[in-house]
Amino acid sequence: MPQVLYTQHNVLSGTFPSELPNARDLRYLRLEHNQISGALPPTLGNATHLQTFHAHHNRLGGSLPAQELPYCRATLLHGYMAT
């Protein structure tokens, strides 16, 4: 499985892929500056090696429990519309 996934500035749209958190070896995930919408999946906490997660400047929203990213050292979600 990949350890790094950078897809920023690619005009990606749709919802956050629920399969991504199952990539347990994923360490760096950068999805910022796209058009991804909806809520982050509760399975995001499955990515136990995730150290960096950037998803700012998208159309994400919904609940964001702190336990969803328990191992992440750097998280950028500004613009996230939490409910």
PDB file of N, CA and C in Angstrom:
ATOM      1  N   MET A   1       0.835  -1.182   0.000  1.00  0.00           N
ATOM      2  CA  MET A   1       0.000   0.000   0.000  1.00  0.00           C
ATOM      3  C   MET A   1       0.877   1.242   0.000  1.00  0.00           C
ATOM      4  N   PRO A   2       0.376   2.337  -0.592  1.00  0.00           N
ATOM      5  CA  PRO A   2       1.178   3.563  -0.613  1.00  0.00           C
ATOM      6  C   PRO A   2       1.297   4.183   0.770  1.00  0.00           C
ATOM      7  N   GLN A   3       2.397   4.859   0.989  1.00  0.00           N
ATOM      8  CA  GLN A   3       2.596   5.589   2.236  1.00  0.00           C
ATOM      9  C   GLN A   3       2.298   7.072   2.065  1.00  0.00           C
ATOM     10  N   VAL A   4       2.310   7.536   0.822  1.00  0.00           N
ATOM     11  CA  VAL A   4       2.115   8.953   0.527  1.00  0.00           C
ATOM     12  C   VAL A   4       1.084   9.080  -0.589  1.00  0.00           C
ATOM     13  N   LEU A   5       0.109   9.982  -0.385  1.00  0.00           N
ATOM     14  CA  LEU A   5      -0.864  10.273  -1.436  1.00  0.00           C
ATOM     15  C   LEU A   5      -1.078  11.778  -1.465  1.00  0.00           C
ATOM     16  N   TYR A   6      -0.571  12.414  -2.517  1.00  0.00           N
ATOM     17  CA  TYR A   6      -0.716  13.860  -2.707  1.00  0.00           C
ATOM     18  C   TYR A   6      -1.610  14.076  -3.928  1.00  0.00           C
ATOM     19  N   THR A   7      -2.767  14.656  -3.726  1.00  0.00           N
ATOM     20  CA  THR A   7      -3.676  14.932  -4.841  1.00  0.00           C
ATOM     21  C   THR A   7      -4.185  16.360  -4.787  1.00  0.00           C
ATOM     22  N   GLN A   8      -3.442  17.246  -4.157  1.00  0.00           N
ATOM     23  CA  GLN A   8      -3.901  18.614  -4.027  1.00  0.00           C
ATOM     24  C   GLN A   8      -3.929  19.325  -5.377  1.00  0.00           C
ATOM     25  N   HIS A   9      -4.853  20.292  -5.483  1.00  0.00           N
ATOM     26  CA  HIS A   9      -5.009  21.130  -6.687  1.00  0.00           C
ATOM     27  C   HIS A   9      -5.333  20.303  -7.935  1.00  0.00           C
ATOM     28  N   ASN A  10      -6.183  19.294  -7.795  1.00  0.00           N
ATOM     29  CA  ASN A  10      -6.545  18.471  -8.947  1.00  0.00           C
ATOM     30  C   ASN A  10      -8.014  18.552  -9.321  1.00  0.00           C
ATOM     31  N   VAL A  11      -8.758  19.450  -8.713  1.00  0.00           N
ATOM     32  CA  VAL A  11     -10.179  19.638  -8.976  1.00  0.00           C
ATOM     33  C   VAL A  11     -10.948  18.321  -8.795  1.00  0.00           C
ATOM     34  N   LEU A  12     -10.542  17.528  -7.812  1.00  0.00           N
ATOM     35  CA  LEU A  12     -11.270  16.303  -7.495  1.00  0.00           C
ATOM     36  C   LEU A  12     -12.614  16.674  -6.883  1.00  0.00           C
ATOM     37  N   SER A  13     -13.648  15.929  -7.205  1.00  0.00           N
ATOM     38  CA  SER A  13     -14.971  16.204  -6.649  1.00  0.00           C
ATOM     39  C   SER A  13     -15.594  14.901  -6.175  1.00  0.00           C
ATOM     40  N   GLY A  14     -16.723  15.031  -5.519  1.00  0.00           N
ATOM     41  CA  GLY A  14     -17.399  13.871  -4.960  1.00  0.00           C
ATOM     42  C   GLY A  14     -17.166  13.811  -3.460  1.00  0.00           C
ATOM     43  N   THR A  15     -17.518  12.698  -2.871  1.00  0.00           N
ATOM     44  CA  THR A  15     -17.351  12.548  -1.429  1.00  0.00           C
ATOM     45  C   THR A  15     -15.986  11.969  -1.092  1.00  0.00           C
ATOM     46  N   PHE A  16     -15.624  12.097   0.173  1.00  0.00           N
ATOM     47  CA  PHE A  16     -14.349  11.558   0.651  1.00  0.00           C
ATOM     48  C   PHE A  16     -14.366  10.042   0.462  1.00  0.00           C
ATOM     49  N   PRO A  17     -13.366   9.471  -0.188  1.00  0.00           N
ATOM     50  CA  PRO A  17     -13.353   8.032  -0.443  1.00  0.00           C
ATOM     51  C   PRO A  17     -13.262   7.231   0.863  1.00  0.00           C
ATOM     52  N   SER A  18     -14.267   6.446   1.159  1.00  0.00           N
ATOM     53  CA  SER A  18     -14.291   5.690   2.416  1.00  0.00           C
ATOM     54  C   SER A  18     -13.235   4.593   2.449  1.00  0.00           C
ATOM     55  N   GLU A  19     -12.686   4.225   1.297  1.00  0.00           N
ATOM     56  CA  GLU A  19     -11.660   3.184   1.248  1.00  0.00           C
ATOM     57  C   GLU A  19     -10.295   3.694   1.706  1.00  0.00           C
ATOM     58  N   LEU A  20     -10.049   4.988   1.591  1.00  0.00           N
ATOM     59  CA  LEU A  20      -8.737   5.542   1.929  1.00  0.00           C
ATOM     60  C   LEU A  20      -8.286   5.220   3.348  1.00  0.00           C
ATOM     61  N   PRO A  21      -9.123   5.358   4.355  1.00  0.00           N
ATOM     62  CA  PRO A  21      -8.662   5.060   5.710  1.00  0.00           C
ATOM     63  C   PRO A  21      -8.246   3.608   5.925  1.00  0.00           C
ATOM     64  N   ASN A  22      -8.664   2.719   5.028  1.00  0.00           N
ATOM     65  CA  ASN A  22      -8.272   1.315   5.160  1.00  0.00           C
ATOM     66  C   ASN A  22      -6.837   1.074   4.705  1.00  0.00           C
ATOM     67  N   ALA A  23      -6.214   2.066   4.113  1.00  0.00           N
ATOM     68  CA  ALA A  23      -4.804   1.974   3.731  1.00  0.00           C
ATOM     69  C   ALA A  23      -3.980   2.206   4.999  1.00  0.00           C
ATOM     70  N   ARG A  24      -3.802   1.168   5.763  1.00  0.00           N
ATOM     71  CA  ARG A  24      -3.204   1.289   7.092  1.00  0.00           C
ATOM     72  C   ARG A  24      -1.762   1.799   7.079  1.00  0.00           C
ATOM     73  N   ASP A  25      -1.060   1.664   5.973  1.00  0.00           N
ATOM     74  CA  ASP A  25       0.320   2.146   5.897  1.00  0.00           C
ATOM     75  C   ASP A  25       0.412   3.610   5.471  1.00  0.00           C
ATOM     76  N   LEU A  26      -0.716   4.221   5.147  1.00  0.00           N
ATOM     77  CA  LEU A  26      -0.727   5.603   4.668  1.00  0.00           C
ATOM     78  C   LEU A  26      -0.216   6.546   5.755  1.00  0.00           C
ATOM     79  N   ARG A  27       0.817   7.332   5.428  1.00  0.00           N
ATOM     80  CA  ARG A  27       1.419   8.248   6.390  1.00  0.00           C
ATOM     81  C   ARG A  27       1.114   9.716   6.075  1.00  0.00           C
ATOM     82  N   TYR A  28       1.037  10.058   4.815  1.00  0.00           N
ATOM     83  CA  TYR A  28       0.817  11.446   4.393  1.00  0.00           C
ATOM     84  C   TYR A  28      -0.324  11.490   3.387  1.00  0.00           C
ATOM     85  N   LEU A  29      -1.372  12.215   3.719  1.00  0.00           N
ATOM     86  CA  LEU A  29      -2.536  12.331   2.854  1.00  0.00           C
ATOM     87  C   LEU A  29      -2.844  13.807   2.660  1.00  0.00           C
ATOM     88  N   ARG A  30      -2.707  14.269   1.421  1.00  0.00           N
ATOM     89  CA  ARG A  30      -2.947  15.681   1.117  1.00  0.00           C
ATOM     90  C   ARG A  30      -3.994  15.768   0.017  1.00  0.00           C
ATOM     91  N   LEU A  31      -5.150  16.289   0.397  1.00  0.00           N
ATOM     92  CA  LEU A  31      -6.281  16.414  -0.516  1.00  0.00           C
ATOM     93  C   LEU A  31      -6.747  17.858  -0.657  1.00  0.00           C
ATOM     94  N   GLU A  32      -5.947  18.806  -0.181  1.00  0.00           N
ATOM     95  CA  GLU A  32      -6.401  20.197  -0.143  1.00  0.00           C
ATOM     96  C   GLU A  32      -6.594  20.798  -1.530  1.00  0.00           C
ATOM     97  N   HIS A  33      -7.402  21.847  -1.568  1.00  0.00           N
ATOM     98  CA  HIS A  33      -7.695  22.613  -2.791  1.00  0.00           C
ATOM     99  C   HIS A  33      -8.315  21.741  -3.874  1.00  0.00           C
ATOM    100  N   ASN A  34      -9.353  21.015  -3.499  1.00  0.00           N
ATOM    101  CA  ASN A  34     -10.152  20.254  -4.444  1.00  0.00           C
ATOM    102  C   ASN A  34     -11.610  20.629  -4.215  1.00  0.00           C
ATOM    103  N   GLN A  35     -12.526  19.807  -4.642  1.00  0.00           N
ATOM    104  CA  GLN A  35     -13.954  20.066  -4.448  1.00  0.00           C
ATOM    105  C   GLN A  35     -14.614  18.859  -3.789  1.00  0.00           C
ATOM    106  N   ILE A  36     -13.928  18.236  -2.862  1.00  0.00           N
ATOM    107  CA  ILE A  36     -14.446  17.069  -2.161  1.00  0.00           C
ATOM    108  C   ILE A  36     -15.500  17.540  -1.165  1.00  0.00           C
ATOM    109  N   SER A  37     -16.634  16.858  -1.114  1.00  0.00           N
ATOM    110  CA  SER A  37     -17.737  17.297  -0.265  1.00  0.00           C
ATOM    111  C   SER A  37     -18.162  16.192   0.699  1.00  0.00           C
ATOM    112  N   GLY A  38     -19.049  16.565   1.612  1.00  0.00           N
ATOM    113  CA  GLY A  38     -19.583  15.602   2.563  1.00  0.00           C
ATOM    114  C   GLY A  38     -18.755  15.545   3.831  1.00  0.00           C
ATOM    115  N   ALA A  39     -19.006  14.519   4.611  1.00  0.00           N
ATOM    116  CA  ALA A  39     -18.321  14.347   5.894  1.00  0.00           C
ATOM    117  C   ALA A  39     -17.141  13.385   5.763  1.00  0.00           C
ATOM    118  N   LEU A  40     -16.215  13.514   6.678  1.00  0.00           N
ATOM    119  CA  LEU A  40     -15.122  12.548   6.746  1.00  0.00           C
ATOM    120  C   LEU A  40     -15.688  11.238   7.277  1.00  0.00           C
ATOM    121  N   PRO A  41     -15.273  10.097   6.729  1.00  0.00           N
ATOM    122  CA  PRO A  41     -15.824   8.822   7.193  1.00  0.00           C
ATOM    123  C   PRO A  41     -15.328   8.483   8.596  1.00  0.00           C
ATOM    124  N   PRO A  42     -16.153   7.820   9.406  1.00  0.00           N
ATOM    125  CA  PRO A  42     -15.719   7.435  10.745  1.00  0.00           C
ATOM    126  C   PRO A  42     -14.546   6.461  10.719  1.00  0.00           C
ATOM    127  N   THR A  43     -14.304   5.825   9.584  1.00  0.00           N
ATOM    128  CA  THR A  43     -13.196   4.878   9.459  1.00  0.00           C
ATOM    129  C   THR A  43     -11.847   5.574   9.342  1.00  0.00           C
ATOM    130  N   LEU A  44     -11.840   6.905   9.325  1.00  0.00           N
ATOM    131  CA  LEU A  44     -10.572   7.626   9.203  1.00  0.00           C
ATOM    132  C   LEU A  44      -9.600   7.246  10.324  1.00  0.00           C
ATOM    133  N   GLY A  45     -10.122   6.898  11.480  1.00  0.00           N
ATOM    134  CA  GLY A  45      -9.281   6.464  12.583  1.00  0.00           C
ATOM    135  C   GLY A  45      -8.560   5.156  12.326  1.00  0.00           C
ATOM    136  N   ASN A  46      -8.957   4.419  11.284  1.00  0.00           N
ATOM    137  CA  ASN A  46      -8.272   3.162  10.929  1.00  0.00           C
ATOM    138  C   ASN A  46      -6.884   3.409  10.355  1.00  0.00           C
ATOM    139  N   ALA A  47      -6.639   4.602   9.867  1.00  0.00           N
ATOM    140  CA  ALA A  47      -5.331   4.938   9.296  1.00  0.00           C
ATOM    141  C   ALA A  47      -4.376   5.259  10.446  1.00  0.00           C
ATOM    142  N   THR A  48      -3.954   4.225  11.142  1.00  0.00           N
ATOM    143  CA  THR A  48      -3.203   4.398  12.386  1.00  0.00           C
ATOM    144  C   THR A  48      -1.788   4.932  12.183  1.00  0.00           C
ATOM    145  N   HIS A  49      -1.280   4.911  10.957  1.00  0.00           N
ATOM    146  CA  HIS A  49       0.056   5.459  10.698  1.00  0.00           C
ATOM    147  C   HIS A  49       0.006   6.865  10.109  1.00  0.00           C
ATOM    148  N   LEU A  50      -1.210   7.393   9.927  1.00  0.00           N
ATOM    149  CA  LEU A  50      -1.365   8.711   9.314  1.00  0.00           C
ATOM    150  C   LEU A  50      -0.751   9.787  10.202  1.00  0.00           C
ATOM    151  N   GLN A  51       0.245  10.485   9.674  1.00  0.00           N
ATOM    152  CA  GLN A  51       0.942  11.530  10.414  1.00  0.00           C
ATOM    153  C   GLN A  51       0.537  12.921   9.963  1.00  0.00           C
ATOM    154  N   THR A  52       0.214  13.073   8.685  1.00  0.00           N
ATOM    155  CA  THR A  52      -0.155  14.369   8.132  1.00  0.00           C
ATOM    156  C   THR A  52      -1.412  14.210   7.294  1.00  0.00           C
ATOM    157  N   PHE A  53      -2.413  15.043   7.583  1.00  0.00           N
ATOM    158  CA  PHE A  53      -3.670  15.011   6.845  1.00  0.00           C
ATOM    159  C   PHE A  53      -4.082  16.448   6.554  1.00  0.00           C
ATOM    160  N   HIS A  54      -4.077  16.808   5.280  1.00  0.00           N
ATOM    161  CA  HIS A  54      -4.474  18.146   4.844  1.00  0.00           C
ATOM    162  C   HIS A  54      -5.693  17.991   3.933  1.00  0.00           C
ATOM    163  N   ALA A  55      -6.793  18.599   4.326  1.00  0.00           N
ATOM    164  CA  ALA A  55      -7.998  18.539   3.501  1.00  0.00           C
ATOM    165  C   ALA A  55      -8.698  19.893   3.463  1.00  0.00           C
ATOM    166  N   HIS A  56      -7.944  20.959   3.690  1.00  0.00           N
ATOM    167  CA  HIS A  56      -8.536  22.295   3.678  1.00  0.00           C
ATOM    168  C   HIS A  56      -8.875  22.731   2.250  1.00  0.00           C
ATOM    169  N   HIS A  57      -9.723  23.740   2.162  1.00  0.00           N
ATOM    170  CA  HIS A  57     -10.194  24.279   0.887  1.00  0.00           C
ATOM    171  C   HIS A  57     -10.895  23.214   0.050  1.00  0.00           C
ATOM    172  N   ASN A  58     -11.831  22.529   0.691  1.00  0.00           N
ATOM    173  CA  ASN A  58     -12.739  21.605   0.038  1.00  0.00           C
ATOM    174  C   ASN A  58     -14.142  21.994   0.468  1.00  0.00           C
ATOM    175  N   ARG A  59     -15.081  21.126   0.316  1.00  0.00           N
ATOM    176  CA  ARG A  59     -16.467  21.371   0.731  1.00  0.00           C
ATOM    177  C   ARG A  59     -16.882  20.344   1.777  1.00  0.00           C
ATOM    178  N   LEU A  60     -15.977  20.053   2.681  1.00  0.00           N
ATOM    179  CA  LEU A  60     -16.232  19.060   3.711  1.00  0.00           C
ATOM    180  C   LEU A  60     -17.035  19.651   4.849  1.00  0.00           C
ATOM    181  N   GLY A  61     -17.814  18.820   5.520  1.00  0.00           N
ATOM    182  CA  GLY A  61     -18.605  19.258   6.651  1.00  0.00           C
ATOM    183  C   GLY A  61     -19.109  18.065   7.433  1.00  0.00           C
ATOM    184  N   GLY A  62     -19.877  18.332   8.466  1.00  0.00           N
ATOM    185  CA  GLY A  62     -20.420  17.268   9.299  1.00  0.00           C
ATOM    186  C   GLY A  62     -19.716  17.206  10.636  1.00  0.00           C
ATOM    187  N   SER A  63     -19.968  16.142  11.368  1.00  0.00           N
ATOM    188  CA  SER A  63     -19.345  16.011  12.692  1.00  0.00           C
ATOM    189  C   SER A  63     -17.883  15.609  12.539  1.00  0.00           C
ATOM    190  N   LEU A  64     -17.085  16.034  13.479  1.00  0.00           N
ATOM    191  CA  LEU A  64     -15.660  15.728  13.456  1.00  0.00           C
ATOM    192  C   LEU A  64     -15.200  15.372  14.866  1.00  0.00           C
ATOM    193  N   PRO A  65     -15.478  14.141  15.297  1.00  0.00           N
ATOM    194  CA  PRO A  65     -15.010  13.726  16.622  1.00  0.00           C
ATOM    195  C   PRO A  65     -13.499  13.689  16.675  1.00  0.00           C
ATOM    196  N   ALA A  66     -12.930  14.102  17.788  1.00  0.00           N
ATOM    197  CA  ALA A  66     -11.476  14.152  17.949  1.00  0.00           C
ATOM    198  C   ALA A  66     -10.838  12.790  17.762  1.00  0.00           C
ATOM    199  N   GLN A  67     -11.541  11.723  18.107  1.00  0.00           N
ATOM    200  CA  GLN A  67     -10.951  10.387  18.027  1.00  0.00           C
ATOM    201  C   GLN A  67     -10.789   9.893  16.594  1.00  0.00           C
ATOM    202  N   GLU A  68     -11.296  10.645  15.604  1.00  0.00           N
ATOM    203  CA  GLU A  68     -11.156  10.196  14.226  1.00  0.00           C
ATOM    204  C   GLU A  68      -9.717  10.238  13.741  1.00  0.00           C
ATOM    205  N   LEU A  69      -8.895  11.081  14.308  1.00  0.00           N
ATOM    206  CA  LEU A  69      -7.502  11.215  13.880  1.00  0.00           C
ATOM    207  C   LEU A  69      -6.575  11.077  15.089  1.00  0.00           C
ATOM    208  N   PRO A  70      -6.608   9.940  15.747  1.00  0.00           N
ATOM    209  CA  PRO A  70      -5.877   9.822  17.020  1.00  0.00           C
ATOM    210  C   PRO A  70      -4.359   9.860  16.901  1.00  0.00           C
ATOM    211  N   TYR A  71      -3.808   9.489  15.762  1.00  0.00           N
ATOM    212  CA  TYR A  71      -2.355   9.392  15.633  1.00  0.00           C
ATOM    213  C   TYR A  71      -1.751  10.500  14.795  1.00  0.00           C
ATOM    214  N   CYS A  72      -2.588  11.368  14.268  1.00  0.00           N
ATOM    215  CA  CYS A  72      -2.127  12.383  13.339  1.00  0.00           C
ATOM    216  C   CYS A  72      -1.417  13.517  14.069  1.00  0.00           C
ATOM    217  N   ARG A  73      -0.254  13.903  13.564  1.00  0.00           N
ATOM    218  CA  ARG A  73       0.525  14.993  14.168  1.00  0.00           C
ATOM    219  C   ARG A  73       0.181  16.344  13.569  1.00  0.00           C
ATOM    220  N   ALA A  74      -0.155  16.381  12.298  1.00  0.00           N
ATOM    221  CA  ALA A  74      -0.480  17.642  11.619  1.00  0.00           C
ATOM    222  C   ALA A  74      -1.777  17.475  10.839  1.00  0.00           C
ATOM    223  N   THR A  75      -2.769  18.265  11.208  1.00  0.00           N
ATOM    224  CA  THR A  75      -4.064  18.206  10.536  1.00  0.00           C
ATOM    225  C   THR A  75      -4.473  19.618  10.143  1.00  0.00           C
ATOM    226  N   LEU A  76      -4.764  19.803   8.875  1.00  0.00           N
ATOM    227  CA  LEU A  76      -5.253  21.093   8.385  1.00  0.00           C
ATOM    228  C   LEU A  76      -6.637  20.884   7.790  1.00  0.00           C
ATOM    229  N   LEU A  77      -7.627  21.452   8.453  1.00  0.00           N
ATOM    230  CA  LEU A  77      -9.007  21.326   7.991  1.00  0.00           C
ATOM    231  C   LEU A  77      -9.719  22.663   7.991  1.00  0.00           C
ATOM    232  N   HIS A  78      -8.989  23.789   7.961  1.00  0.00           N
ATOM    233  CA  HIS A  78      -9.705  25.059   8.034  1.00  0.00           C
ATOM    234  C   HIS A  78     -10.702  25.170   6.877  1.00  0.00           C
ATOM    235  N   GLY A  79     -11.847  25.716   7.209  1.00  0.00           N
ATOM    236  CA  GLY A  79     -12.946  25.761   6.272  1.00  0.00           C
ATOM    237  C   GLY A  79     -13.895  24.592   6.429  1.00  0.00           C
ATOM    238  N   TYR A  80     -13.563  23.655   7.316  1.00  0.00           N
ATOM    239  CA  TYR A  80     -14.434  22.508   7.571  1.00  0.00           C
ATOM    240  C   TYR A  80     -15.680  23.002   8.277  1.00  0.00           C
ATOM    241  N   MET A  81     -16.840  22.674   7.772  1.00  0.00           N
ATOM    242  CA  MET A  81     -18.102  23.142   8.346  1.00  0.00           C
ATOM    243  C   MET A  81     -18.645  22.102   9.314  1.00  0.00           C
ATOM    244  N   ALA A  82     -18.150  22.137  10.538  1.00  0.00           N
ATOM    245  CA  ALA A  82     -18.561  21.162  11.552  1.00  0.00           C
ATOM    246  C   ALA A  82     -19.987  21.448  12.014  1.00  0.00           C
ATOM    247  N   THR A  83     -20.700  20.356  12.289  1.00  0.00           N
ATOM    248  CA  THR A  83     -22.066  20.504  12.823  1.00  0.00           C
ATOM    249  C   THR A  83     -22.139  19.951  14.217  1.00  0.00           C
TER     250      THR A  83
END
